[in-house]
């Protein structure tokens, strides 16, 4: 075997060269990995609103009447573009939602029927943890189905879900059957065939994605901790602050904040002064 001046054979020199190249590559990879770890430690992954929105848009089975943000818009106005839009974000089990709805629903219904406001309803389901049978998801899915097939009765259906004799307790939940949910829809005026089909769970996945997206929306996170809570009510896209108003004062405060005298509620000739793009009158 012929040896070189360094005392190594040609074969051994080739092996050493290969080992040296591998060691160099490994060193470069190790430096890159360390750099990546340091970067990620200082740039944590953030779940963006965009990603939640994208997941919502990917749902294959969704109610046709729902808009891209998961709301159902209803209007009886001769010109919907000239009156304010009231958006309500709610969970069927939310006790505060029930209190606010029972106080405000008669006024919203009058405004809607008179064409003085467009109504946009967003069913959500983040209180499943408080039930043993996914009540929020089942009720919200039923609501979505009604929104697609009988939107005329959506506002009444929301109020039926918040009937004091029906709405389940968040702290002492007792199971609610699909049949009972369907009965509330029928009580709200929904066609019985639509009501029965609504509780089949067709839109459960859509409800889950709508909920995740809504919670991620920064403009709806009103606390200093950046959390979302229900009920959330928007007027022309602006958060309506109920502040410390008593439940009994909500109808008056709401009407005043859309620029309408109490006596004009339900009038088909007097419209709210803020129009379709004004902010609430604080």
Protein backbone atom coordinates (compact mmCIF):
# COMPACT_ATOMS: atom_id res chain seq x y z
CA UNK A 1 0.00 0.00 0.00
CA UNK A 2 1.45 3.34 -1.10
CA UNK A 3 1.57 6.04 1.53
CA UNK A 4 1.78 9.77 0.99
CA UNK A 5 4.20 12.17 2.63
CA UNK A 6 1.72 12.66 5.46
CA UNK A 7 1.74 8.99 6.23
CA UNK A 8 -1.84 8.38 4.99
CA UNK A 9 -3.01 6.36 2.02
CA UNK A 10 -5.11 7.97 -0.74
CA UNK A 11 -8.18 6.12 0.52
CA UNK A 12 -7.65 7.36 4.08
CA UNK A 13 -7.21 10.93 2.88
CA UNK A 14 -10.54 10.70 0.99
CA UNK A 15 -12.26 9.39 4.12
CA UNK A 16 -10.84 12.23 6.20
CA UNK A 17 -11.99 14.77 3.61
CA UNK A 18 -15.53 13.35 3.67
CA UNK A 19 -15.56 13.38 7.46
CA UNK A 20 -14.36 17.00 7.44
CA UNK A 21 -17.11 18.06 5.02
CA UNK A 22 -19.78 16.31 7.09
CA UNK A 23 -18.51 17.94 10.27
CA UNK A 24 -18.61 21.37 8.59
CA UNK A 25 -22.19 20.81 7.37
CA UNK A 26 -23.29 19.66 10.79
CA UNK A 27 -21.73 22.73 12.37
CA UNK A 28 -23.58 25.03 9.95
CA UNK A 29 -26.88 23.20 10.62
CA UNK A 30 -26.31 23.44 14.37
CA UNK A 31 -25.70 27.18 14.17
CA UNK A 32 -28.86 27.60 12.06
CA UNK A 33 -30.95 25.59 14.53
CA UNK A 34 -29.65 27.63 17.49
CA UNK A 35 -30.38 30.87 15.61
CA UNK A 36 -33.90 29.67 14.79
CA UNK A 37 -34.59 28.69 18.41
CA UNK A 38 -33.40 32.12 19.62
CA UNK A 39 -35.54 33.87 17.00
CA UNK A 40 -38.70 31.92 17.88
CA UNK A 41 -38.12 32.54 21.58
CA UNK A 42 -38.20 36.27 20.88
CA UNK A 43 -40.96 36.05 18.22
CA UNK A 44 -43.66 33.73 19.62
CA UNK A 45 -46.27 32.37 17.25
CA UNK A 46 -49.44 34.42 17.29
CA UNK A 47 -52.76 32.97 16.11
CA UNK A 48 -53.89 35.77 13.84
CA UNK A 49 -57.44 36.80 13.09
CA UNK A 50 -56.65 36.05 9.47
CA UNK A 51 -55.99 32.38 10.15
CA UNK A 52 -59.27 31.97 12.04
CA UNK A 53 -61.08 33.78 9.26
CA UNK A 54 -59.49 31.49 6.67
CA UNK A 55 -60.63 28.42 8.59
CA UNK A 56 -64.19 29.79 8.67
CA UNK A 57 -64.19 30.34 4.91
CA UNK A 58 -63.00 26.76 4.34
CA UNK A 59 -66.10 25.23 5.96
CA UNK A 60 -67.87 23.38 3.18
CA UNK A 61 -71.35 23.24 4.69
CA UNK A 62 -72.43 26.71 5.76
CA UNK A 63 -75.77 28.55 5.81
CA UNK A 64 -76.21 30.47 2.57
CA UNK A 65 -77.79 33.49 4.25
CA UNK A 66 -74.85 34.04 6.60
CA UNK A 67 -72.30 36.70 5.69
CA UNK A 68 -68.54 36.07 5.67
CA UNK A 69 -68.19 36.99 9.36
CA UNK A 70 -70.96 34.61 10.48
CA UNK A 71 -73.86 37.04 10.84
CA UNK A 72 -77.43 36.89 9.59
CA UNK A 73 -78.70 40.26 8.39
CA UNK A 74 -82.44 40.96 8.24
CA UNK A 75 -84.16 44.17 7.23
CA UNK A 76 -87.63 45.50 6.51
CA UNK A 77 -86.39 48.94 5.57
CA UNK A 78 -87.35 50.41 2.21
CA UNK A 79 -83.71 51.44 1.93
CA UNK A 80 -81.44 49.40 4.24
CA UNK A 81 -78.49 51.60 3.30
CA UNK A 82 -80.04 54.58 5.07
CA UNK A 83 -80.72 53.09 8.52
CA UNK A 84 -78.32 51.81 11.20
CA UNK A 85 -77.36 48.16 11.49
CA UNK A 86 -77.52 46.63 14.96
CA UNK A 87 -75.23 43.60 15.39
CA UNK A 88 -75.80 41.24 18.31
CA UNK A 89 -73.23 38.58 19.25
CA UNK A 90 -74.69 36.00 21.62
CA UNK A 91 -74.35 32.54 23.11
CA UNK A 92 -77.70 30.80 23.73
CA UNK A 93 -76.66 29.87 27.28
CA UNK A 94 -75.17 33.24 28.27
CA UNK A 95 -77.17 34.57 31.27
CA UNK A 96 -76.22 38.20 30.60
CA UNK A 97 -77.37 37.80 27.00
CA UNK A 98 -80.72 36.62 28.29
CA UNK A 99 -81.11 39.58 30.63
CA UNK A 100 -80.22 42.09 27.93
CA UNK A 101 -82.41 40.42 25.33
CA UNK A 102 -85.46 40.32 27.58
CA UNK A 103 -85.03 44.06 28.22
CA UNK A 104 -84.09 45.14 24.69
CA UNK A 105 -85.86 42.69 22.38
CA UNK A 106 -89.28 44.45 22.35
CA UNK A 107 -87.56 47.67 21.25
CA UNK A 108 -85.38 45.95 18.64
CA UNK A 109 -88.44 44.16 17.28
CA UNK A 110 -90.34 47.44 16.88
CA UNK A 111 -87.36 49.07 15.18
CA UNK A 112 -86.96 46.10 12.86
CA UNK A 113 -90.64 45.83 11.95
CA UNK A 114 -90.83 49.57 11.22
CA UNK A 115 -87.75 49.48 9.03
CA UNK A 116 -85.86 51.77 11.42
CA UNK A 117 -82.91 49.40 11.82
CA UNK A 118 -81.29 46.43 10.16
CA UNK A 119 -80.62 43.52 12.51
CA UNK A 120 -77.49 41.36 12.28
CA UNK A 121 -77.42 38.30 14.54
CA UNK A 122 -74.29 36.27 15.33
CA UNK A 123 -74.91 32.91 17.07
CA UNK A 124 -71.87 31.67 19.00
CA UNK A 125 -71.03 28.66 21.15
CA UNK A 126 -68.23 29.03 23.69
CA UNK A 127 -70.25 27.95 26.74
CA UNK A 128 -70.43 24.26 25.83
CA UNK A 129 -68.14 23.73 28.82
CA UNK A 130 -71.08 24.66 31.04
CA UNK A 131 -73.34 21.94 29.67
CA UNK A 132 -73.11 18.18 29.43
CA UNK A 133 -74.50 17.91 25.90
CA UNK A 134 -73.07 20.80 23.85
CA UNK A 135 -76.21 22.86 24.36
CA UNK A 136 -74.72 26.10 23.01
CA UNK A 137 -73.48 24.44 19.83
CA UNK A 138 -76.76 22.61 19.24
CA UNK A 139 -78.89 25.71 19.80
CA UNK A 140 -76.58 27.91 17.68
CA UNK A 141 -76.59 25.33 14.88
CA UNK A 142 -80.39 25.27 15.01
CA UNK A 143 -80.41 29.08 14.88
CA UNK A 144 -78.16 29.02 11.81
CA UNK A 145 -80.45 26.58 10.04
CA UNK A 146 -83.45 28.79 10.76
CA UNK A 147 -81.41 31.76 9.53
CA UNK A 148 -81.06 30.01 6.19
CA UNK A 149 -84.61 28.70 5.83
CA UNK A 150 -86.82 31.09 7.82
CA UNK A 151 -84.92 34.36 8.47
CA UNK A 152 -88.16 36.24 9.07
CA UNK A 153 -88.41 34.64 12.51
CA UNK A 154 -84.78 34.87 13.60
CA UNK A 155 -85.21 37.78 16.01
CA UNK A 156 -88.21 36.08 17.61
CA UNK A 157 -86.30 32.80 17.81
CA UNK A 158 -83.41 34.44 19.67
CA UNK A 159 -85.88 35.80 22.21
CA UNK A 160 -87.54 32.39 22.50
CA UNK A 161 -84.18 30.84 23.38
CA UNK A 162 -83.85 33.45 26.13
CA UNK A 163 -87.31 32.92 27.57
CA UNK A 164 -86.83 32.75 31.35
CA UNK A 165 -88.84 29.54 31.51
CA UNK A 166 -86.62 27.90 28.90
CA UNK A 167 -83.04 29.22 28.96
CA UNK A 168 -80.88 26.67 30.82
CA UNK A 169 -78.72 27.69 33.75
CA UNK A 170 -75.02 28.16 33.17
CA UNK A 171 -74.19 27.15 36.75
CA UNK A 172 -76.75 24.40 37.27
CA UNK A 173 -77.30 22.95 33.83
CA UNK A 174 -80.07 20.44 33.24
CA UNK A 175 -80.00 18.58 29.88
CA UNK A 176 -82.07 20.11 27.10
CA UNK A 177 -83.22 17.80 24.30
CA UNK A 178 -83.19 18.65 20.61
CA UNK A 179 -86.95 18.33 20.66
CA UNK A 180 -87.24 21.09 23.26
CA UNK A 181 -85.01 23.38 21.20
CA UNK A 182 -87.21 22.72 18.17
CA UNK A 183 -90.30 23.54 20.24
CA UNK A 184 -88.85 26.97 21.04
CA UNK A 185 -88.32 27.60 17.36
CA UNK A 186 -91.92 26.68 16.64
CA UNK A 187 -93.08 28.95 19.48
CA UNK A 188 -91.23 31.78 17.73
CA UNK A 189 -93.22 31.19 14.56
CA UNK A 190 -90.73 28.99 12.71
CA UNK A 191 -92.30 26.39 10.42
CA UNK A 192 -92.45 23.04 12.22
CA UNK A 193 -90.64 21.19 9.42
CA UNK A 194 -87.81 23.75 9.48
CA UNK A 195 -87.66 23.60 13.27
CA UNK A 196 -87.40 19.80 13.29
CA UNK A 197 -84.64 19.80 10.69
CA UNK A 198 -82.76 22.62 12.42
CA UNK A 199 -81.73 20.42 15.35
CA UNK A 200 -80.03 17.79 13.19
CA UNK A 201 -76.67 19.49 13.79
CA UNK A 202 -75.93 20.39 10.17
CA UNK A 203 -74.01 23.54 11.04
CA UNK A 204 -72.10 22.46 14.14
CA UNK A 205 -68.73 22.75 12.41
CA UNK A 206 -69.63 26.16 11.00
CA UNK A 207 -70.67 27.35 14.47
CA UNK A 208 -67.34 26.20 15.92
CA UNK A 209 -65.37 28.08 13.27
CA UNK A 210 -67.54 31.21 13.60
CA UNK A 211 -66.98 31.18 17.34
CA UNK A 212 -63.20 30.83 17.01
CA UNK A 213 -63.08 33.64 14.44
CA UNK A 214 -65.31 35.98 16.43
CA UNK A 215 -63.26 35.55 19.60
CA UNK A 216 -60.12 36.40 17.61
CA UNK A 217 -61.50 39.69 16.26
CA UNK A 218 -59.55 42.44 18.00
CA UNK A 219 -62.23 45.09 17.49
CA UNK A 220 -64.62 42.96 19.56
CA UNK A 221 -62.18 42.47 22.46
CA UNK A 222 -63.25 45.25 24.76
CA UNK A 223 -61.41 44.47 28.00
CA UNK A 224 -57.87 45.45 28.91
CA UNK A 225 -56.96 41.74 28.81
CA UNK A 226 -58.09 41.52 25.20
CA UNK A 227 -60.90 39.06 25.80
CA UNK A 228 -64.27 38.70 24.12
CA UNK A 229 -67.53 38.45 26.05
CA UNK A 230 -71.22 38.25 25.28
CA UNK A 231 -73.46 40.00 24.80
CA UNK A 232 -71.62 42.30 22.45
CA UNK A 233 -73.72 44.81 20.54
CA UNK A 234 -72.48 46.98 17.71
CA UNK A 235 -74.23 49.94 16.09
CA UNK A 236 -72.94 50.48 12.56
CA UNK A 237 -69.88 48.49 13.53
CA UNK A 238 -69.17 50.59 16.63
CA UNK A 239 -69.22 48.97 20.06
CA UNK A 240 -72.29 50.01 22.07
CA UNK A 241 -71.18 50.55 25.65
CA UNK A 242 -73.93 49.69 28.10
CA UNK A 243 -71.64 50.87 30.90
CA UNK A 244 -73.44 50.83 34.27
CA UNK A 245 -76.93 51.37 32.92
CA UNK A 246 -79.61 49.40 34.70
CA UNK A 247 -81.43 46.74 32.71
CA UNK A 248 -84.60 48.81 32.79
CA UNK A 249 -82.83 51.81 31.22
CA UNK A 250 -81.35 49.89 28.28
CA UNK A 251 -84.25 50.49 25.83
CA UNK A 252 -84.20 54.26 26.42
CA UNK A 253 -80.40 54.45 26.27
CA UNK A 254 -80.26 52.39 23.10
CA UNK A 255 -82.88 54.44 21.29
CA UNK A 256 -81.13 57.65 22.35
CA UNK A 257 -77.80 56.32 21.08
CA UNK A 258 -79.18 55.76 17.57
CA UNK A 259 -80.62 59.26 17.56
CA UNK A 260 -84.30 58.49 17.93
CA UNK A 261 -86.88 59.83 20.43
CA UNK A 262 -88.63 57.20 22.54
CA UNK A 263 -91.98 58.25 21.07
CA UNK A 264 -90.73 57.57 17.54
CA UNK A 265 -89.90 53.89 18.12
CA UNK A 266 -91.98 51.88 15.67
CA UNK A 267 -92.67 54.85 13.38
CA UNK A 268 -92.28 54.26 9.66
CA UNK A 269 -91.74 57.95 8.98
CA UNK A 270 -89.09 58.91 11.56
CA UNK A 271 -85.67 57.35 11.08
CA UNK A 272 -82.66 57.30 13.47
CA UNK A 273 -80.47 60.37 13.00
CA UNK A 274 -77.17 58.47 12.82
CA UNK A 275 -78.13 56.83 9.53
CA UNK A 276 -76.19 53.87 8.22
CA UNK A 277 -72.67 54.99 9.06
CA UNK A 278 -72.89 57.18 12.14
CA UNK A 279 -71.45 56.35 15.54
CA UNK A 280 -73.67 55.77 18.60
CA UNK A 281 -74.66 59.04 20.27
CA UNK A 282 -72.85 58.70 23.60
